[in-house]
PDB file of N, CA and C in Angstrom:
ATOM      1  N   UNK A   1     177.307 141.883 153.922  1.00  0.00           N
ATOM      2  CA  UNK A   1     178.423 141.058 153.508  1.00  0.00           C
ATOM      3  C   UNK A   1     178.079 139.601 153.859  1.00  0.00           C
ATOM      4  N   UNK A   2     178.308 138.765 152.923  1.00  0.00           N
ATOM      5  CA  UNK A   2     177.956 137.375 153.174  1.00  0.00           C
ATOM      6  C   UNK A   2     179.152 136.446 153.118  1.00  0.00           C
ATOM      7  N   UNK A   3     180.331 136.989 152.812  1.00  0.00           N
ATOM      8  CA  UNK A   3     181.487 136.110 152.734  1.00  0.00           C
ATOM      9  C   UNK A   3     182.715 136.787 153.323  1.00  0.00           C
ATOM     10  N   UNK A   4     183.635 135.935 153.768  1.00  0.00           N
ATOM     11  CA  UNK A   4     184.885 136.408 154.366  1.00  0.00           C
ATOM     12  C   UNK A   4     185.685 137.176 153.320  1.00  0.00           C
ATOM     13  N   UNK A   5     186.131 138.364 153.672  1.00  0.00           N
ATOM     14  CA  UNK A   5     186.900 139.151 152.702  1.00  0.00           C
ATOM     15  C   UNK A   5     188.325 138.646 152.557  1.00  0.00           C
ATOM     16  N   UNK A   6     188.889 138.891 151.395  1.00  0.00           N
ATOM     17  CA  UNK A   6     190.316 138.708 151.190  1.00  0.00           C
ATOM     18  C   UNK A   6     190.965 140.028 151.571  1.00  0.00           C
ATOM     19  N   UNK A   7     192.058 139.966 152.310  1.00  0.00           N
ATOM     20  CA  UNK A   7     192.759 141.188 152.691  1.00  0.00           C
ATOM     21  C   UNK A   7     193.922 141.369 151.730  1.00  0.00           C
ATOM     22  N   UNK A   8     193.854 142.430 150.935  1.00  0.00           N
ATOM     23  CA  UNK A   8     194.882 142.682 149.931  1.00  0.00           C
ATOM     24  C   UNK A   8     196.181 143.124 150.588  1.00  0.00           C
ATOM     25  N   UNK A   9     197.298 142.665 150.016  1.00  0.00           N
ATOM     26  CA  UNK A   9     198.613 143.103 150.480  1.00  0.00           C
ATOM     27  C   UNK A   9     198.752 144.586 150.193  1.00  0.00           C
ATOM     28  N   UNK A  10     199.282 145.334 151.145  1.00  0.00           N
ATOM     29  CA  UNK A  10     199.467 146.776 150.986  1.00  0.00           C
ATOM     30  C   UNK A  10     200.962 147.034 150.773  1.00  0.00           C
ATOM     31  N   UNK A  11     201.346 147.558 149.607  1.00  0.00           N
ATOM     32  CA  UNK A  11     202.765 147.782 149.343  1.00  0.00           C
ATOM     33  C   UNK A  11     203.312 148.954 150.155  1.00  0.00           C
ATOM     34  N   UNK A  12     204.620 148.983 150.292  1.00  0.00           N
ATOM     35  CA  UNK A  12     205.273 150.097 150.963  1.00  0.00           C
ATOM     36  C   UNK A  12     205.449 149.860 152.448  1.00  0.00           C
ATOM     37  N   UNK A  13     206.042 150.852 153.111  1.00  0.00           N
ATOM     38  CA  UNK A  13     206.279 150.720 154.549  1.00  0.00           C
ATOM     39  C   UNK A  13     204.972 150.821 155.320  1.00  0.00           C
ATOM     40  N   UNK A  14     204.928 150.251 156.531  1.00  0.00           N
ATOM     41  CA  UNK A  14     203.712 150.351 157.322  1.00  0.00           C
ATOM     42  C   UNK A  14     203.442 151.803 157.723  1.00  0.00           C
ATOM     43  N   UNK A  15     202.179 152.215 157.722  1.00  0.00           N
ATOM     44  CA  UNK A  15     201.868 153.581 158.128  1.00  0.00           C
ATOM     45  C   UNK A  15     202.142 153.776 159.621  1.00  0.00           C
ATOM     46  N   UNK A  16     202.463 155.009 159.988  1.00  0.00           N
ATOM     47  CA  UNK A  16     202.708 155.323 161.390  1.00  0.00           C
ATOM     48  C   UNK A  16     201.465 155.908 162.051  1.00  0.00           C
ATOM     49  N   UNK A  17     200.426 156.183 161.258  1.00  0.00           N
ATOM     50  CA  UNK A  17     199.171 156.722 161.763  1.00  0.00           C
ATOM     51  C   UNK A  17     198.057 155.724 161.439  1.00  0.00           C
ATOM     52  N   UNK A  18     196.972 155.818 162.175  1.00  0.00           N
ATOM     53  CA  UNK A  18     195.797 154.998 161.896  1.00  0.00           C
ATOM     54  C   UNK A  18     195.279 155.322 160.495  1.00  0.00           C
ATOM     55  N   UNK A  19     195.019 154.284 159.705  1.00  0.00           N
ATOM     56  CA  UNK A  19     194.476 154.460 158.363  1.00  0.00           C
ATOM     57  C   UNK A  19     193.125 153.759 158.306  1.00  0.00           C
ATOM     58  N   UNK A  20     192.090 154.504 157.922  1.00  0.00           N
ATOM     59  CA  UNK A  20     190.727 153.975 157.870  1.00  0.00           C
ATOM     60  C   UNK A  20     190.196 154.168 156.458  1.00  0.00           C
ATOM     61  N   UNK A  21     189.744 153.068 155.834  1.00  0.00           N
ATOM     62  CA  UNK A  21     189.234 153.117 154.463  1.00  0.00           C
ATOM     63  C   UNK A  21     187.903 152.378 154.397  1.00  0.00           C
ATOM     64  N   UNK A  22     186.862 153.056 153.935  1.00  0.00           N
ATOM     65  CA  UNK A  22     185.585 152.380 153.731  1.00  0.00           C
ATOM     66  C   UNK A  22     185.635 151.622 152.418  1.00  0.00           C
ATOM     67  N   UNK A  23     185.457 150.298 152.490  1.00  0.00           N
ATOM     68  CA  UNK A  23     185.427 149.451 151.299  1.00  0.00           C
ATOM     69  C   UNK A  23     184.010 149.354 150.771  1.00  0.00           C
ATOM     70  N   UNK A  24     183.040 149.352 151.701  1.00  0.00           N
ATOM     71  CA  UNK A  24     181.609 149.376 151.370  1.00  0.00           C
ATOM     72  C   UNK A  24     180.959 150.337 152.353  1.00  0.00           C
ATOM     73  N   UNK A  25     180.197 151.285 151.838  1.00  0.00           N
ATOM     74  CA  UNK A  25     179.467 152.215 152.704  1.00  0.00           C
ATOM     75  C   UNK A  25     178.200 151.534 153.205  1.00  0.00           C
ATOM     76  N   UNK A  26     178.010 151.544 154.513  1.00  0.00           N
ATOM     77  CA  UNK A  26     176.786 151.000 155.076  1.00  0.00           C
ATOM     78  C   UNK A  26     175.660 152.016 155.011  1.00  0.00           C
ATOM     79  N   UNK A  27     174.441 151.551 155.217  1.00  0.00           N
ATOM     80  CA  UNK A  27     173.279 152.440 155.181  1.00  0.00           C
ATOM     81  C   UNK A  27     172.441 152.339 156.437  1.00  0.00           C
ATOM     82  N   UNK A  28     172.893 151.537 157.417  1.00  0.00           N
ATOM     83  CA  UNK A  28     172.125 151.340 158.637  1.00  0.00           C
ATOM     84  C   UNK A  28     172.531 152.296 159.737  1.00  0.00           C
ATOM     85  N   UNK A  29     172.246 151.884 160.968  1.00  0.00           N
ATOM     86  CA  UNK A  29     172.575 152.679 162.148  1.00  0.00           C
ATOM     87  C   UNK A  29     174.082 152.873 162.242  1.00  0.00           C
ATOM     88  N   UNK A  30     174.480 153.982 162.861  1.00  0.00           N
ATOM     89  CA  UNK A  30     175.889 154.346 162.940  1.00  0.00           C
ATOM     90  C   UNK A  30     176.505 153.921 164.270  1.00  0.00           C
ATOM     91  N   UNK A  31     177.713 153.367 164.190  1.00  0.00           N
ATOM     92  CA  UNK A  31     178.465 153.021 165.404  1.00  0.00           C
ATOM     93  C   UNK A  31     178.924 154.308 166.080  1.00  0.00           C
ATOM     94  N   UNK A  32     178.839 154.328 167.409  1.00  0.00           N
ATOM     95  CA  UNK A  32     179.254 155.509 168.159  1.00  0.00           C
ATOM     96  C   UNK A  32     180.337 155.129 169.161  1.00  0.00           C
ATOM     97  N   UNK A  33     181.191 156.092 169.477  1.00  0.00           N
ATOM     98  CA  UNK A  33     182.235 155.877 170.482  1.00  0.00           C
ATOM     99  C   UNK A  33     181.579 155.435 171.782  1.00  0.00           C
ATOM    100  N   UNK A  34     182.127 154.410 172.405  1.00  0.00           N
ATOM    101  CA  UNK A  34     181.584 153.913 173.663  1.00  0.00           C
ATOM    102  C   UNK A  34     180.429 152.945 173.510  1.00  0.00           C
ATOM    103  N   UNK A  35     179.988 152.707 172.271  1.00  0.00           N
ATOM    104  CA  UNK A  35     178.866 151.811 172.023  1.00  0.00           C
ATOM    105  C   UNK A  35     179.290 150.349 171.945  1.00  0.00           C
ATOM    106  N   UNK A  36     178.322 149.500 171.610  1.00  0.00           N
ATOM    107  CA  UNK A  36     178.552 148.070 171.432  1.00  0.00           C
ATOM    108  C   UNK A  36     178.378 147.762 169.947  1.00  0.00           C
ATOM    109  N   UNK A  37     179.290 146.962 169.400  1.00  0.00           N
ATOM    110  CA  UNK A  37     179.220 146.608 167.988  1.00  0.00           C
ATOM    111  C   UNK A  37     179.183 145.090 167.821  1.00  0.00           C
ATOM    112  N   UNK A  38     178.480 144.653 166.793  1.00  0.00           N
ATOM    113  CA  UNK A  38     178.455 143.251 166.389  1.00  0.00           C
ATOM    114  C   UNK A  38     179.130 143.223 165.020  1.00  0.00           C
ATOM    115  N   UNK A  39     180.246 142.515 164.920  1.00  0.00           N
ATOM    116  CA  UNK A  39     181.069 142.566 163.720  1.00  0.00           C
ATOM    117  C   UNK A  39     181.519 141.179 163.274  1.00  0.00           C
ATOM    118  N   UNK A  40     181.841 141.099 162.002  1.00  0.00           N
ATOM    119  CA  UNK A  40     182.661 140.016 161.472  1.00  0.00           C
ATOM    120  C   UNK A  40     183.964 140.687 161.072  1.00  0.00           C
ATOM    121  N   UNK A  41     185.082 140.022 161.281  1.00  0.00           N
ATOM    122  CA  UNK A  41     186.361 140.663 160.962  1.00  0.00           C
ATOM    123  C   UNK A  41     187.409 139.635 160.595  1.00  0.00           C
ATOM    124  N   UNK A  42     188.417 140.128 159.879  1.00  0.00           N
ATOM    125  CA  UNK A  42     189.633 139.382 159.579  1.00  0.00           C
ATOM    126  C   UNK A  42     190.786 140.281 159.984  1.00  0.00           C
ATOM    127  N   UNK A  43     191.788 139.709 160.651  1.00  0.00           N
ATOM    128  CA  UNK A  43     192.982 140.459 161.008  1.00  0.00           C
ATOM    129  C   UNK A  43     194.214 139.778 160.443  1.00  0.00           C
ATOM    130  N   UNK A  44     195.079 140.582 159.793  1.00  0.00           N
ATOM    131  CA  UNK A  44     196.330 140.058 159.243  1.00  0.00           C
ATOM    132  C   UNK A  44     197.478 140.976 159.667  1.00  0.00           C
ATOM    133  N   UNK A  45     198.687 140.413 159.671  1.00  0.00           N
ATOM    134  CA  UNK A  45     199.877 141.216 159.912  1.00  0.00           C
ATOM    135  C   UNK A  45     200.211 142.001 158.648  1.00  0.00           C
ATOM    136  N   UNK A  46     200.510 143.278 158.809  1.00  0.00           N
ATOM    137  CA  UNK A  46     200.819 144.140 157.665  1.00  0.00           C
ATOM    138  C   UNK A  46     202.010 143.607 156.876  1.00  0.00           C
ATOM    139  N   UNK A  47     203.089 143.261 157.581  1.00  0.00           N
ATOM    140  CA  UNK A  47     204.344 142.899 156.909  1.00  0.00           C
ATOM    141  C   UNK A  47     204.251 141.582 156.145  1.00  0.00           C
ATOM    142  N   UNK A  48     203.588 140.588 156.720  1.00  0.00           N
ATOM    143  CA  UNK A  48     203.576 139.254 156.116  1.00  0.00           C
ATOM    144  C   UNK A  48     202.269 138.927 155.402  1.00  0.00           C
ATOM    145  N   UNK A  49     201.192 139.637 155.737  1.00  0.00           N
ATOM    146  CA  UNK A  49     199.881 139.307 155.199  1.00  0.00           C
ATOM    147  C   UNK A  49     199.289 138.077 155.857  1.00  0.00           C
ATOM    148  N   UNK A  50     199.961 137.556 156.894  1.00  0.00           N
ATOM    149  CA  UNK A  50     199.506 136.340 157.572  1.00  0.00           C
ATOM    150  C   UNK A  50     198.321 136.639 158.483  1.00  0.00           C
ATOM    151  N   UNK A  51     197.270 135.852 158.326  1.00  0.00           N
ATOM    152  CA  UNK A  51     196.085 136.019 159.174  1.00  0.00           C
ATOM    153  C   UNK A  51     196.389 135.553 160.597  1.00  0.00           C
ATOM    154  N   UNK A  52     195.980 136.367 161.585  1.00  0.00           N
ATOM    155  CA  UNK A  52     196.145 135.957 162.978  1.00  0.00           C
ATOM    156  C   UNK A  52     194.808 135.733 163.661  1.00  0.00           C
ATOM    157  N   UNK A  53     193.717 136.220 163.075  1.00  0.00           N
ATOM    158  CA  UNK A  53     192.402 136.017 163.684  1.00  0.00           C
ATOM    159  C   UNK A  53     191.324 136.315 162.655  1.00  0.00           C
ATOM    160  N   UNK A  54     190.194 135.633 162.779  1.00  0.00           N
ATOM    161  CA  UNK A  54     189.042 135.922 161.924  1.00  0.00           C
ATOM    162  C   UNK A  54     187.791 135.343 162.570  1.00  0.00           C
ATOM    163  N   UNK A  55     186.817 136.203 162.815  1.00  0.00           N
ATOM    164  CA  UNK A  55     185.539 135.715 163.353  1.00  0.00           C
ATOM    165  C   UNK A  55     184.874 134.780 162.345  1.00  0.00           C
ATOM    166  N   UNK A  56     185.107 135.025 161.058  1.00  0.00           N
ATOM    167  CA  UNK A  56     184.522 134.177 160.003  1.00  0.00           C
ATOM    168  C   UNK A  56     184.885 132.708 160.222  1.00  0.00           C
ATOM    169  N   UNK A  57     186.127 132.454 160.666  1.00  0.00           N
ATOM    170  CA  UNK A  57     186.602 131.082 160.835  1.00  0.00           C
ATOM    171  C   UNK A  57     185.922 130.372 162.005  1.00  0.00           C
ATOM    172  N   UNK A  58     185.366 131.144 162.915  1.00  0.00           N
ATOM    173  CA  UNK A  58     184.635 130.556 164.049  1.00  0.00           C
ATOM    174  C   UNK A  58     183.148 130.374 163.735  1.00  0.00           C
ATOM    175  N   UNK A  59     182.716 130.916 162.596  1.00  0.00           N
ATOM    176  CA  UNK A  59     181.334 130.720 162.168  1.00  0.00           C
ATOM    177  C   UNK A  59     180.327 131.590 162.899  1.00  0.00           C
ATOM    178  N   UNK A  60     180.813 132.584 163.650  1.00  0.00           N
ATOM    179  CA  UNK A  60     179.869 133.505 164.283  1.00  0.00           C
ATOM    180  C   UNK A  60     180.513 134.863 164.456  1.00  0.00           C
ATOM    181  N   UNK A  61     179.665 135.871 164.443  1.00  0.00           N
ATOM    182  CA  UNK A  61     180.168 137.228 164.606  1.00  0.00           C
ATOM    183  C   UNK A  61     180.620 137.445 166.043  1.00  0.00           C
ATOM    184  N   UNK A  62     181.247 138.584 166.274  1.00  0.00           N
ATOM    185  CA  UNK A  62     181.741 138.938 167.603  1.00  0.00           C
ATOM    186  C   UNK A  62     181.060 140.222 168.045  1.00  0.00           C
ATOM    187  N   UNK A  63     180.606 140.242 169.305  1.00  0.00           N
ATOM    188  CA  UNK A  63     179.937 141.414 169.861  1.00  0.00           C
ATOM    189  C   UNK A  63     180.826 141.976 170.960  1.00  0.00           C
ATOM    190  N   UNK A  64     181.184 143.262 170.827  1.00  0.00           N
ATOM    191  CA  UNK A  64     182.117 143.887 171.762  1.00  0.00           C
ATOM    192  C   UNK A  64     181.633 145.276 172.166  1.00  0.00           C
ATOM    193  N   UNK A  65     181.853 145.657 173.428  1.00  0.00           N
ATOM    194  CA  UNK A  65     181.779 147.077 173.780  1.00  0.00           C
ATOM    195  C   UNK A  65     183.060 147.745 173.257  1.00  0.00           C
ATOM    196  N   UNK A  66     182.928 148.799 172.474  1.00  0.00           N
ATOM    197  CA  UNK A  66     184.106 149.446 171.890  1.00  0.00           C
ATOM    198  C   UNK A  66     185.164 149.838 172.928  1.00  0.00           C
ATOM    199  N   UNK A  67     184.789 150.306 174.136  1.00  0.00           N
ATOM    200  CA  UNK A  67     185.841 150.681 175.092  1.00  0.00           C
ATOM    201  C   UNK A  67     186.742 149.513 175.508  1.00  0.00           C
ATOM    202  N   UNK A  68     186.327 148.274 175.267  1.00  0.00           N
ATOM    203  CA  UNK A  68     187.137 147.108 175.644  1.00  0.00           C
ATOM    204  C   UNK A  68     188.134 146.711 174.560  1.00  0.00           C
ATOM    205  N   UNK A  69     188.124 147.399 173.433  1.00  0.00           N
ATOM    206  CA  UNK A  69     188.934 146.989 172.283  1.00  0.00           C
ATOM    207  C   UNK A  69     190.186 147.836 172.141  1.00  0.00           C
ATOM    208  N   UNK A  70     191.080 147.403 171.241  1.00  0.00           N
ATOM    209  CA  UNK A  70     192.306 148.162 170.989  1.00  0.00           C
ATOM    210  C   UNK A  70     191.938 149.560 170.488  1.00  0.00           C
ATOM    211  N   UNK A  71     192.854 150.499 170.708  1.00  0.00           N
ATOM    212  CA  UNK A  71     192.612 151.900 170.357  1.00  0.00           C
ATOM    213  C   UNK A  71     192.256 152.078 168.883  1.00  0.00           C
ATOM    214  N   UNK A  72     192.877 151.295 168.000  1.00  0.00           N
ATOM    215  CA  UNK A  72     192.587 151.429 166.569  1.00  0.00           C
ATOM    216  C   UNK A  72     191.105 151.178 166.280  1.00  0.00           C
ATOM    217  N   UNK A  73     190.495 150.205 166.968  1.00  0.00           N
ATOM    218  CA  UNK A  73     189.068 149.934 166.771  1.00  0.00           C
ATOM    219  C   UNK A  73     188.234 151.026 167.431  1.00  0.00           C
ATOM    220  N   UNK A  74     188.653 151.486 168.617  1.00  0.00           N
ATOM    221  CA  UNK A  74     187.919 152.553 169.307  1.00  0.00           C
ATOM    222  C   UNK A  74     187.864 153.818 168.454  1.00  0.00           C
ATOM    223  N   UNK A  75     188.937 154.083 167.721  1.00  0.00           N
ATOM    224  CA  UNK A  75     189.004 155.279 166.877  1.00  0.00           C
ATOM    225  C   UNK A  75     188.471 155.031 165.465  1.00  0.00           C
ATOM    226  N   UNK A  76     188.632 153.803 164.974  1.00  0.00           N
ATOM    227  CA  UNK A  76     188.337 153.525 163.569  1.00  0.00           C
ATOM    228  C   UNK A  76     186.930 153.054 163.259  1.00  0.00           C
ATOM    229  N   UNK A  77     186.176 152.599 164.266  1.00  0.00           N
ATOM    230  CA  UNK A  77     184.822 152.090 164.004  1.00  0.00           C
ATOM    231  C   UNK A  77     183.733 153.158 164.137  1.00  0.00           C
ATOM    232  N   UNK A  78     183.811 154.068 165.115  1.00  0.00           N
ATOM    233  CA  UNK A  78     182.747 155.086 165.199  1.00  0.00           C
ATOM    234  C   UNK A  78     182.575 155.831 163.874  1.00  0.00           C
ATOM    235  N   UNK A  79     181.324 156.064 163.520  1.00  0.00           N
ATOM    236  CA  UNK A  79     181.004 156.692 162.244  1.00  0.00           C
ATOM    237  C   UNK A  79     180.689 155.689 161.156  1.00  0.00           C
ATOM    238  N   UNK A  80     181.083 154.446 161.360  1.00  0.00           N
ATOM    239  CA  UNK A  80     180.772 153.371 160.408  1.00  0.00           C
ATOM    240  C   UNK A  80     179.297 153.017 160.546  1.00  0.00           C
ATOM    241  N   UNK A  81     178.661 152.668 159.426  1.00  0.00           N
ATOM    242  CA  UNK A  81     177.238 152.331 159.455  1.00  0.00           C
ATOM    243  C   UNK A  81     177.018 150.840 159.217  1.00  0.00           C
ATOM    244  N   UNK A  82     175.971 150.305 159.849  1.00  0.00           N
ATOM    245  CA  UNK A  82     175.614 148.896 159.683  1.00  0.00           C
ATOM    246  C   UNK A  82     175.486 148.585 158.196  1.00  0.00           C
ATOM    247  N   UNK A  83     176.064 147.458 157.802  1.00  0.00           N
ATOM    248  CA  UNK A  83     176.084 147.064 156.398  1.00  0.00           C
ATOM    249  C   UNK A  83     177.378 147.446 155.712  1.00  0.00           C
ATOM    250  N   UNK A  84     178.226 148.184 156.410  1.00  0.00           N
ATOM    251  CA  UNK A  84     179.482 148.632 155.836  1.00  0.00           C
ATOM    252  C   UNK A  84     180.615 147.660 156.071  1.00  0.00           C
ATOM    253  N   UNK A  85     181.644 147.812 155.253  1.00  0.00           N
ATOM    254  CA  UNK A  85     182.894 147.052 155.403  1.00  0.00           C
ATOM    255  C   UNK A  85     184.022 148.081 155.391  1.00  0.00           C
ATOM    256  N   UNK A  86     184.851 148.033 156.435  1.00  0.00           N
ATOM    257  CA  UNK A  86     185.909 149.030 156.604  1.00  0.00           C
ATOM    258  C   UNK A  86     187.235 148.329 156.845  1.00  0.00           C
ATOM    259  N   UNK A  87     188.285 148.901 156.245  1.00  0.00           N
ATOM    260  CA  UNK A  87     189.647 148.426 156.501  1.00  0.00           C
ATOM    261  C   UNK A  87     190.329 149.416 157.436  1.00  0.00           C
ATOM    262  N   UNK A  88     190.934 148.867 158.485  1.00  0.00           N
ATOM    263  CA  UNK A  88     191.679 149.669 159.452  1.00  0.00           C
ATOM    264  C   UNK A  88     193.108 149.141 159.484  1.00  0.00           C
ATOM    265  N   UNK A  89     194.071 150.048 159.291  1.00  0.00           N
ATOM    266  CA  UNK A  89     195.480 149.689 159.433  1.00  0.00           C
ATOM    267  C   UNK A  89     195.970 150.346 160.714  1.00  0.00           C
ATOM    268  N   UNK A  90     196.392 149.493 161.656  1.00  0.00           N
ATOM    269  CA  UNK A  90     196.731 149.937 163.001  1.00  0.00           C
ATOM    270  C   UNK A  90     198.227 149.830 163.267  1.00  0.00           C
ATOM    271  N   UNK A  91     198.909 150.975 163.480  1.00  0.00           N
ATOM    272  CA  UNK A  91     200.303 150.883 163.914  1.00  0.00           C
ATOM    273  C   UNK A  91     200.366 150.283 165.317  1.00  0.00           C
ATOM    274  N   UNK A  92     201.534 149.764 165.717  1.00  0.00           N
ATOM    275  CA  UNK A  92     201.630 149.052 167.002  1.00  0.00           C
ATOM    276  C   UNK A  92     201.073 149.812 168.200  1.00  0.00           C
ATOM    277  N   UNK A  93     201.311 151.122 168.272  1.00  0.00           N
ATOM    278  CA  UNK A  93     200.862 151.862 169.445  1.00  0.00           C
ATOM    279  C   UNK A  93     199.340 151.962 169.553  1.00  0.00           C
ATOM    280  N   UNK A  94     198.622 151.697 168.456  1.00  0.00           N
ATOM    281  CA  UNK A  94     197.158 151.685 168.499  1.00  0.00           C
ATOM    282  C   UNK A  94     196.605 150.257 168.472  1.00  0.00           C
ATOM    283  N   UNK A  95     197.528 149.277 168.477  1.00  0.00           N
ATOM    284  CA  UNK A  95     197.121 147.866 168.471  1.00  0.00           C
ATOM    285  C   UNK A  95     197.534 147.244 169.805  1.00  0.00           C
ATOM    286  N   UNK A  96     198.608 146.474 169.804  1.00  0.00           N
ATOM    287  CA  UNK A  96     199.018 145.762 171.027  1.00  0.00           C
ATOM    288  C   UNK A  96     200.319 146.286 171.608  1.00  0.00           C
ATOM    289  N   UNK A  97     200.694 147.515 171.246  1.00  0.00           N
ATOM    290  CA  UNK A  97     201.850 148.157 171.852  1.00  0.00           C
ATOM    291  C   UNK A  97     203.163 147.797 171.180  1.00  0.00           C
ATOM    292  N   UNK A  98     204.244 148.399 171.681  1.00  0.00           N
ATOM    293  CA  UNK A  98     205.559 148.186 171.073  1.00  0.00           C
ATOM    294  C   UNK A  98     206.067 146.766 171.277  1.00  0.00           C
ATOM    295  N   UNK A  99     207.059 146.421 170.480  1.00  0.00           N
ATOM    296  CA  UNK A  99     207.693 145.104 170.597  1.00  0.00           C
ATOM    297  C   UNK A  99     208.119 144.887 172.040  1.00  0.00           C
ATOM    298  N   UNK A 100     207.956 143.663 172.524  1.00  0.00           N
ATOM    299  CA  UNK A 100     208.314 143.343 173.896  1.00  0.00           C
ATOM    300  C   UNK A 100     207.205 143.638 174.885  1.00  0.00           C
ATOM    301  N   UNK A 101     206.022 143.982 174.374  1.00  0.00           N
ATOM    302  CA  UNK A 101     204.912 144.360 175.238  1.00  0.00           C
ATOM    303  C   UNK A 101     204.176 143.194 175.872  1.00  0.00           C
ATOM    304  N   UNK A 102     204.568 141.968 175.552  1.00  0.00           N
ATOM    305  CA  UNK A 102     203.968 140.820 176.208  1.00  0.00           C
ATOM    306  C   UNK A 102     202.870 140.133 175.415  1.00  0.00           C
ATOM    307  N   UNK A 103     202.326 140.774 174.399  1.00  0.00           N
ATOM    308  CA  UNK A 103     201.310 140.153 173.542  1.00  0.00           C
ATOM    309  C   UNK A 103     202.026 139.624 172.300  1.00  0.00           C
ATOM    310  N   UNK A 104     201.529 138.526 171.749  1.00  0.00           N
ATOM    311  CA  UNK A 104     202.224 137.949 170.584  1.00  0.00           C
ATOM    312  C   UNK A 104     202.214 138.889 169.375  1.00  0.00           C
ATOM    313  N   UNK A 105     201.309 139.879 169.372  1.00  0.00           N
ATOM    314  CA  UNK A 105     201.244 140.835 168.269  1.00  0.00           C
ATOM    315  C   UNK A 105     201.863 142.190 168.625  1.00  0.00           C
ATOM    316  N   UNK A 106     202.510 142.283 169.794  1.00  0.00           N
ATOM    317  CA  UNK A 106     203.193 143.527 170.168  1.00  0.00           C
ATOM    318  C   UNK A 106     204.245 143.868 169.116  1.00  0.00           C
ATOM    319  N   UNK A 107     204.317 145.144 168.769  1.00  0.00           N
ATOM    320  CA  UNK A 107     205.313 145.597 167.802  1.00  0.00           C
ATOM    321  C   UNK A 107     204.895 145.421 166.358  1.00  0.00           C
ATOM    322  N   UNK A 108     203.713 144.874 166.109  1.00  0.00           N
ATOM    323  CA  UNK A 108     203.261 144.603 164.742  1.00  0.00           C
ATOM    324  C   UNK A 108     202.234 145.646 164.294  1.00  0.00           C
ATOM    325  N   UNK A 109     202.334 146.028 163.023  1.00  0.00           N
ATOM    326  CA  UNK A 109     201.279 146.806 162.383  1.00  0.00           C
ATOM    327  C   UNK A 109     200.251 145.800 161.877  1.00  0.00           C
ATOM    328  N   UNK A 110     198.988 146.060 162.175  1.00  0.00           N
ATOM    329  CA  UNK A 110     197.922 145.102 161.872  1.00  0.00           C
ATOM    330  C   UNK A 110     196.909 145.699 160.908  1.00  0.00           C
ATOM    331  N   UNK A 111     196.360 144.829 160.064  1.00  0.00           N
ATOM    332  CA  UNK A 111     195.318 145.231 159.122  1.00  0.00           C
ATOM    333  C   UNK A 111     194.062 144.441 159.462  1.00  0.00           C
ATOM    334  N   UNK A 112     192.958 145.164 159.652  1.00  0.00           N
ATOM    335  CA  UNK A 112     191.662 144.531 159.918  1.00  0.00           C
ATOM    336  C   UNK A 112     190.688 144.914 158.826  1.00  0.00           C
ATOM    337  N   UNK A 113     189.899 143.943 158.369  1.00  0.00           N
ATOM    338  CA  UNK A 113     188.735 144.250 157.545  1.00  0.00           C
ATOM    339  C   UNK A 113     187.525 143.866 158.379  1.00  0.00           C
ATOM    340  N   UNK A 114     186.673 144.863 158.642  1.00  0.00           N
ATOM    341  CA  UNK A 114     185.569 144.726 159.586  1.00  0.00           C
ATOM    342  C   UNK A 114     184.253 144.955 158.874  1.00  0.00           C
ATOM    343  N   UNK A 115     183.321 144.019 159.059  1.00  0.00           N
ATOM    344  CA  UNK A 115     181.943 144.183 158.588  1.00  0.00           C
ATOM    345  C   UNK A 115     181.092 144.521 159.798  1.00  0.00           C
ATOM    346  N   UNK A 116     180.391 145.653 159.762  1.00  0.00           N
ATOM    347  CA  UNK A 116     179.535 146.058 160.865  1.00  0.00           C
ATOM    348  C   UNK A 116     178.146 145.476 160.646  1.00  0.00           C
ATOM    349  N   UNK A 117     177.756 144.555 161.541  1.00  0.00           N
ATOM    350  CA  UNK A 117     176.476 143.846 161.415  1.00  0.00           C
ATOM    351  C   UNK A 117     175.375 144.511 162.211  1.00  0.00           C
ATOM    352  N   UNK A 118     175.723 145.071 163.381  1.00  0.00           N
ATOM    353  CA  UNK A 118     174.701 145.678 164.246  1.00  0.00           C
ATOM    354  C   UNK A 118     175.383 146.572 165.264  1.00  0.00           C
ATOM    355  N   UNK A 119     174.628 147.481 165.843  1.00  0.00           N
ATOM    356  CA  UNK A 119     175.114 148.346 166.911  1.00  0.00           C
ATOM    357  C   UNK A 119     174.086 148.337 168.036  1.00  0.00           C
ATOM    358  N   UNK A 120     174.565 148.624 169.256  1.00  0.00           N
ATOM    359  CA  UNK A 120     173.656 148.710 170.403  1.00  0.00           C
ATOM    360  C   UNK A 120     174.051 149.881 171.253  1.00  0.00           C
TER     361      UNK A 120
END
């Protein structure tokens, strides 16, 4: 992937379960639970479509140990292959928790489009 993805508005009510959709199938090494991933991503609020974060806007990818990330990423990235682009829709309990949880995104259903660049 060479450009920041547009995140399409998803009609209907927010899902109550984690939703994982491969937009592009990768052909490289596979991400594993507990591993380290190097990704580019865009995150938007499900209800408004408003972007709240994007590694693309900082001009560099982000490298994370999966155990340090929200549950939706811990569950939604393993099995993804380098070169792939995946959309993850995370209900609040798999993102930043219920409303009033202290994070500005608590209580929100979030949509991420993630490009897997490398695994370690």
